[in-house]
């Protein structure tokens, strides 16, 4: 009877996994190339690296009490695995960063959509974005709950939306993770919020990597199903390609995956407004590292500096 029960369970999980794959790969979930990427002639050349850009939208936006016509509280993260496959670099961008003529990354992103978002990131980082994915925070929350929650480090004690966060380690579920990444606890134009987002993305990657999804087909199917429930992605990001990226990350040691915020500087104007700019020294160095062979050393250095 035990063997029969195990067999029935395996059949059920396989059906669930196939259903999740079908939903993820459904044509209605894909973003056409012309709506996903900028013109080919302004893009970096393709190579053997793999780079995914993830945007997590947060309808319950708490950032600066901004109406949800803005992506100010959204998470913009880039996961880059170089051709060597021996390291993975994650970068989280502050949407408040000034890009040009007083316009922020978020403002330009809202006006131009994915092609402009990809063009900005490729320009500042110098790497080609192979895949894009957009997910609602509620769906990501269900993934986090499936993983059993995340342990997230906060540099500051604060309260938001009825939830208290301590300075130090916080045990967060899907709902509190969404609050943690959307709240703007310090008047620093989203610098603290971006570090919080980085902490969640870092813990999420480690959770997916060590969560036993391969050994537990039911759990793996559930996680993929949660992702598939609200994801939008480019057509080339099939479940097969997603598995290749996941396998590459899973083969790495934790120390070989570094998650940082893109280096920025902040300044306060005479009217009290905090303005964020890309760090004019660190950003070119970051771009060179992504294109060169000292990627791991540079990212570990950024981690040591608190980025």
Protein backbone atom coordinates (compact mmCIF):
# COMPACT_ATOMS: atom_id res chain seq x y z
CA UNK A 1 0.00 0.00 0.00
CA UNK A 2 2.86 2.38 0.81
CA UNK A 3 4.36 1.86 -2.65
CA UNK A 4 0.98 2.41 -4.30
CA UNK A 5 0.44 5.61 -2.33
CA UNK A 6 3.89 6.84 -3.35
CA UNK A 7 3.17 6.00 -6.99
CA UNK A 8 -0.18 7.79 -6.95
CA UNK A 9 1.48 10.82 -5.34
CA UNK A 10 4.20 10.84 -8.01
CA UNK A 11 1.61 10.67 -10.78
CA UNK A 12 -0.31 13.55 -9.20
CA UNK A 13 2.80 15.72 -8.85
CA UNK A 14 3.77 14.98 -12.47
CA UNK A 15 0.33 16.12 -13.62
CA UNK A 16 0.67 19.29 -11.52
CA UNK A 17 4.16 19.92 -12.93
CA UNK A 18 2.99 19.45 -16.51
CA UNK A 19 0.05 21.79 -15.87
CA UNK A 20 2.40 24.44 -14.43
CA UNK A 21 4.76 24.08 -17.40
CA UNK A 22 1.88 24.44 -19.83
CA UNK A 23 0.65 27.57 -18.07
CA UNK A 24 4.14 29.10 -17.94
CA UNK A 25 4.75 28.39 -21.65
CA UNK A 26 1.27 29.49 -22.75
CA UNK A 27 1.41 32.07 -25.53
CA UNK A 28 -0.77 34.44 -23.50
CA UNK A 29 2.09 34.73 -20.98
CA UNK A 30 4.66 35.87 -23.52
CA UNK A 31 5.70 39.39 -24.45
CA UNK A 32 6.41 39.85 -28.18
CA UNK A 33 10.03 40.67 -29.01
CA UNK A 34 9.16 44.18 -30.23
CA UNK A 35 7.48 44.90 -26.88
CA UNK A 36 10.28 43.31 -24.86
CA UNK A 37 13.57 44.52 -26.30
CA UNK A 38 15.06 47.64 -27.94
CA UNK A 39 16.22 47.67 -31.59
CA UNK A 40 19.01 45.20 -32.26
CA UNK A 41 21.45 47.83 -33.54
CA UNK A 42 21.74 49.53 -30.13
CA UNK A 43 22.15 46.36 -28.09
CA UNK A 44 25.32 44.63 -26.82
CA UNK A 45 26.35 41.58 -28.81
CA UNK A 46 25.04 38.20 -27.74
CA UNK A 47 27.48 35.79 -26.06
CA UNK A 48 27.41 32.60 -24.02
CA UNK A 49 26.39 34.29 -20.78
CA UNK A 50 22.81 34.21 -19.52
CA UNK A 51 21.13 37.29 -18.10
CA UNK A 52 17.59 37.58 -16.76
CA UNK A 53 15.90 40.82 -15.73
CA UNK A 54 13.04 40.48 -13.26
CA UNK A 55 10.50 43.15 -12.41
CA UNK A 56 8.20 42.55 -9.45
CA UNK A 57 5.24 44.90 -9.52
CA UNK A 58 3.65 45.86 -6.23
CA UNK A 59 0.01 46.99 -6.51
CA UNK A 60 -0.05 47.64 -2.76
CA UNK A 61 2.66 50.23 -3.27
CA UNK A 62 3.80 51.88 -0.04
CA UNK A 63 6.73 53.79 -1.49
CA UNK A 64 6.42 57.49 -0.71
CA UNK A 65 2.62 57.14 -0.82
CA UNK A 66 2.94 57.18 -4.61
CA UNK A 67 -0.20 56.21 -6.57
CA UNK A 68 0.19 52.95 -8.46
CA UNK A 69 0.58 54.80 -11.71
CA UNK A 70 4.28 54.70 -10.84
CA UNK A 71 6.70 51.80 -10.51
CA UNK A 72 8.54 53.62 -7.71
CA UNK A 73 8.09 50.71 -5.30
CA UNK A 74 8.65 47.92 -7.84
CA UNK A 75 11.68 45.68 -7.68
CA UNK A 76 14.05 45.73 -10.67
CA UNK A 77 16.65 42.95 -10.44
CA UNK A 78 19.18 41.53 -12.90
CA UNK A 79 20.64 38.01 -12.56
CA UNK A 80 23.79 37.53 -14.65
CA UNK A 81 25.65 34.25 -15.11
CA UNK A 82 28.83 34.71 -17.18
CA UNK A 83 29.84 32.27 -19.91
CA UNK A 84 32.21 30.52 -17.51
CA UNK A 85 29.25 29.59 -15.31
CA UNK A 86 31.39 29.66 -12.17
CA UNK A 87 29.76 32.71 -10.58
CA UNK A 88 26.42 34.51 -10.55
CA UNK A 89 25.96 38.24 -10.06
CA UNK A 90 22.70 39.81 -8.99
CA UNK A 91 22.00 43.53 -9.15
CA UNK A 92 19.03 45.48 -7.83
CA UNK A 93 18.37 48.99 -9.17
CA UNK A 94 16.89 51.91 -7.27
CA UNK A 95 13.96 53.19 -9.39
CA UNK A 96 14.57 56.68 -7.97
CA UNK A 97 17.97 56.96 -9.67
CA UNK A 98 18.21 60.02 -11.90
CA UNK A 99 18.86 59.12 -15.53
CA UNK A 100 18.59 62.34 -17.51
CA UNK A 101 16.98 65.79 -17.39
CA UNK A 102 15.65 65.21 -13.88
CA UNK A 103 13.84 62.03 -14.90
CA UNK A 104 14.23 58.92 -12.77
CA UNK A 105 14.57 55.31 -13.85
CA UNK A 106 10.98 54.68 -12.70
CA UNK A 107 9.57 57.63 -14.65
CA UNK A 108 11.28 56.60 -17.87
CA UNK A 109 10.33 52.94 -17.29
CA UNK A 110 6.66 53.85 -16.89
CA UNK A 111 6.69 55.91 -20.07
CA UNK A 112 8.72 53.56 -22.27
CA UNK A 113 7.96 50.06 -21.02
CA UNK A 114 10.22 47.06 -21.38
CA UNK A 115 12.21 48.12 -24.48
CA UNK A 116 13.31 51.31 -22.72
CA UNK A 117 13.95 49.50 -19.42
CA UNK A 118 16.19 46.97 -21.18
CA UNK A 119 17.95 49.73 -23.16
CA UNK A 120 18.73 51.68 -19.96
CA UNK A 121 20.07 48.61 -18.14
CA UNK A 122 22.15 47.46 -21.10
CA UNK A 123 23.59 50.97 -21.47
CA UNK A 124 24.60 51.33 -17.82
CA UNK A 125 25.74 47.74 -17.23
CA UNK A 126 27.13 46.92 -20.67
CA UNK A 127 25.66 43.41 -20.73
CA UNK A 128 22.94 41.98 -22.93
CA UNK A 129 19.63 41.14 -21.28
CA UNK A 130 18.62 37.75 -22.72
CA UNK A 131 15.34 37.32 -20.88
CA UNK A 132 12.77 39.47 -19.11
CA UNK A 133 10.09 38.44 -16.64
CA UNK A 134 7.44 40.46 -14.84
CA UNK A 135 5.66 39.10 -11.80
CA UNK A 136 3.11 40.46 -9.36
CA UNK A 137 4.18 40.61 -5.73
CA UNK A 138 1.18 38.48 -4.65
CA UNK A 139 2.42 35.59 -6.82
CA UNK A 140 5.95 36.00 -5.51
CA UNK A 141 4.49 35.95 -2.00
CA UNK A 142 2.92 32.56 -2.68
CA UNK A 143 6.33 31.29 -3.83
CA UNK A 144 7.89 32.57 -0.60
CA UNK A 145 5.17 30.88 1.47
CA UNK A 146 5.76 27.62 -0.43
CA UNK A 147 9.44 27.84 0.50
CA UNK A 148 8.47 28.24 4.16
CA UNK A 149 9.25 31.95 4.38
CA UNK A 150 12.56 33.82 4.22
CA UNK A 151 15.02 35.09 6.79
CA UNK A 152 15.72 38.71 5.83
CA UNK A 153 18.21 41.10 7.37
CA UNK A 154 17.08 44.70 7.87
CA UNK A 155 19.52 47.50 8.61
CA UNK A 156 16.82 49.59 10.20
CA UNK A 157 13.92 49.10 12.60
CA UNK A 158 10.65 50.37 11.15
CA UNK A 159 6.92 49.80 10.94
CA UNK A 160 4.78 49.74 7.81
CA UNK A 161 1.21 48.71 7.05
CA UNK A 162 0.74 47.38 10.58
CA UNK A 163 3.90 45.25 10.54
CA UNK A 164 6.95 45.85 12.73
CA UNK A 165 10.39 45.04 11.37
CA UNK A 166 13.42 44.79 13.63
CA UNK A 167 17.00 45.82 12.97
CA UNK A 168 18.60 42.45 12.27
CA UNK A 169 17.02 39.21 11.07
CA UNK A 170 13.29 39.10 10.31
CA UNK A 171 11.34 35.93 9.53
CA UNK A 172 9.04 37.00 6.71
CA UNK A 173 6.23 35.28 4.86
CA UNK A 174 4.85 36.26 1.48
CA UNK A 175 2.66 39.08 2.77
CA UNK A 176 5.27 40.68 5.02
CA UNK A 177 7.94 40.31 2.33
CA UNK A 178 5.78 42.40 0.00
CA UNK A 179 5.46 45.11 2.67
CA UNK A 180 9.19 44.99 3.39
CA UNK A 181 10.12 45.55 -0.27
CA UNK A 182 7.55 48.28 -0.95
CA UNK A 183 7.86 50.43 2.17
CA UNK A 184 10.08 53.51 2.23
CA UNK A 185 11.17 53.58 5.90
CA UNK A 186 13.85 56.28 5.54
CA UNK A 187 13.75 59.61 3.68
CA UNK A 188 16.58 58.67 1.35
CA UNK A 189 14.83 58.40 -2.05
CA UNK A 190 14.48 54.66 -1.86
CA UNK A 191 18.06 53.73 -0.93
CA UNK A 192 16.95 51.75 2.12
CA UNK A 193 14.01 50.29 0.23
CA UNK A 194 16.35 49.09 -2.53
CA UNK A 195 18.63 47.43 0.02
CA UNK A 196 15.56 45.71 1.45
CA UNK A 197 14.61 44.52 -2.03
CA UNK A 198 18.14 43.20 -2.55
CA UNK A 199 17.91 41.31 0.75
CA UNK A 200 14.66 39.63 -0.33
CA UNK A 201 15.95 38.74 -3.81
CA UNK A 202 19.13 37.33 -2.27
CA UNK A 203 17.18 35.20 0.21
CA UNK A 204 14.76 34.12 -2.52
CA UNK A 205 17.56 32.90 -4.81
CA UNK A 206 19.13 30.98 -1.94
CA UNK A 207 15.73 29.60 -0.94
CA UNK A 208 15.01 28.37 -4.47
CA UNK A 209 18.50 26.94 -4.66
CA UNK A 210 18.34 25.02 -1.37
CA UNK A 211 14.60 24.42 -1.07
CA UNK A 212 14.68 20.81 -2.23
CA UNK A 213 12.45 21.48 -5.24
CA UNK A 214 14.06 18.71 -7.28
CA UNK A 215 13.73 16.11 -4.52
CA UNK A 216 10.15 17.13 -3.75
CA UNK A 217 8.21 17.18 -7.07
CA UNK A 218 5.03 18.40 -5.36
CA UNK A 219 6.83 21.42 -3.98
CA UNK A 220 8.60 22.06 -7.29
CA UNK A 221 5.32 21.91 -9.19
CA UNK A 222 3.67 24.27 -6.69
CA UNK A 223 6.48 26.84 -6.95
CA UNK A 224 6.42 26.77 -10.76
CA UNK A 225 2.64 27.07 -10.65
CA UNK A 226 2.82 30.18 -8.48
CA UNK A 227 5.32 31.77 -10.85
CA UNK A 228 3.20 30.82 -13.86
CA UNK A 229 0.01 32.24 -12.33
CA UNK A 230 0.94 35.88 -12.97
CA UNK A 231 4.18 35.94 -14.96
CA UNK A 232 4.75 37.72 -18.25
CA UNK A 233 8.00 36.94 -20.09
CA UNK A 234 9.72 36.96 -23.45
CA UNK A 235 8.93 33.96 -25.63
CA UNK A 236 12.46 32.52 -25.38
CA UNK A 237 12.15 32.17 -21.59
CA UNK A 238 10.48 28.78 -21.72
CA UNK A 239 10.39 26.38 -18.81
CA UNK A 240 13.29 24.56 -20.48
CA UNK A 241 15.42 27.71 -20.47
CA UNK A 242 14.31 28.51 -16.93
CA UNK A 243 15.49 25.07 -15.80
CA UNK A 244 18.91 25.68 -17.40
CA UNK A 245 19.28 28.96 -15.48
CA UNK A 246 18.09 27.32 -12.26
CA UNK A 247 20.45 24.37 -12.68
CA UNK A 248 23.34 26.77 -13.24
CA UNK A 249 22.56 28.58 -10.00
CA UNK A 250 21.97 25.36 -8.08
CA UNK A 251 25.42 24.06 -9.04
CA UNK A 252 27.11 27.08 -7.44
CA UNK A 253 28.17 27.43 -3.84
CA UNK A 254 26.43 30.16 -1.86
CA UNK A 255 29.64 32.23 -1.81
CA UNK A 256 29.67 32.18 -5.60
CA UNK A 257 26.36 34.05 -5.83
CA UNK A 258 26.65 37.75 -4.97
CA UNK A 259 23.67 40.10 -4.81
CA UNK A 260 24.31 43.86 -4.65
CA UNK A 261 22.56 47.15 -5.28
CA UNK A 262 23.82 49.10 -8.28
CA UNK A 263 26.16 51.72 -6.71
CA UNK A 264 24.60 55.17 -6.35
CA UNK A 265 25.28 58.42 -4.51
CA UNK A 266 22.67 60.53 -2.74
CA UNK A 267 22.51 64.29 -2.22
CA UNK A 268 19.94 66.54 -0.58
CA UNK A 269 18.80 69.62 -2.49
CA UNK A 270 18.08 72.97 -0.83
CA UNK A 271 14.37 72.19 -0.75
CA UNK A 272 15.09 68.99 1.19
CA UNK A 273 14.58 66.62 -1.73
CA UNK A 274 16.97 63.67 -1.85
CA UNK A 275 18.41 63.02 -5.32
CA UNK A 276 20.04 59.73 -6.33
CA UNK A 277 22.64 59.40 -9.09
CA UNK A 278 24.68 56.44 -10.33
CA UNK A 279 28.09 56.50 -8.66
CA UNK A 280 30.36 58.04 -11.34
CA UNK A 281 33.36 55.98 -10.21
CA UNK A 282 31.83 52.67 -9.16
CA UNK A 283 29.41 52.30 -12.07
CA UNK A 284 32.10 52.29 -14.81
CA UNK A 285 34.13 49.85 -12.69
CA UNK A 286 31.05 47.66 -12.36
CA UNK A 287 30.53 47.76 -16.12
CA UNK A 288 34.16 46.77 -16.71
CA UNK A 289 33.90 43.90 -14.23
CA UNK A 290 30.77 42.54 -15.91
CA UNK A 291 32.59 42.58 -19.25
CA UNK A 292 35.89 41.24 -17.89
CA UNK A 293 37.33 38.37 -15.89
CA UNK A 294 37.39 39.90 -12.39
CA UNK A 295 33.63 39.73 -11.93
CA UNK A 296 33.67 37.59 -8.78
CA UNK A 297 36.36 39.65 -7.05
CA UNK A 298 34.63 42.95 -7.82
CA UNK A 299 31.22 41.79 -6.67
CA UNK A 300 32.62 40.38 -3.45
CA UNK A 301 34.28 43.76 -2.92
CA UNK A 302 30.93 45.52 -3.43
CA UNK A 303 29.33 43.15 -0.92
CA UNK A 304 32.06 43.99 1.61
CA UNK A 305 31.23 47.70 1.15
CA UNK A 306 27.57 47.08 1.94
CA UNK A 307 26.12 47.41 -1.53
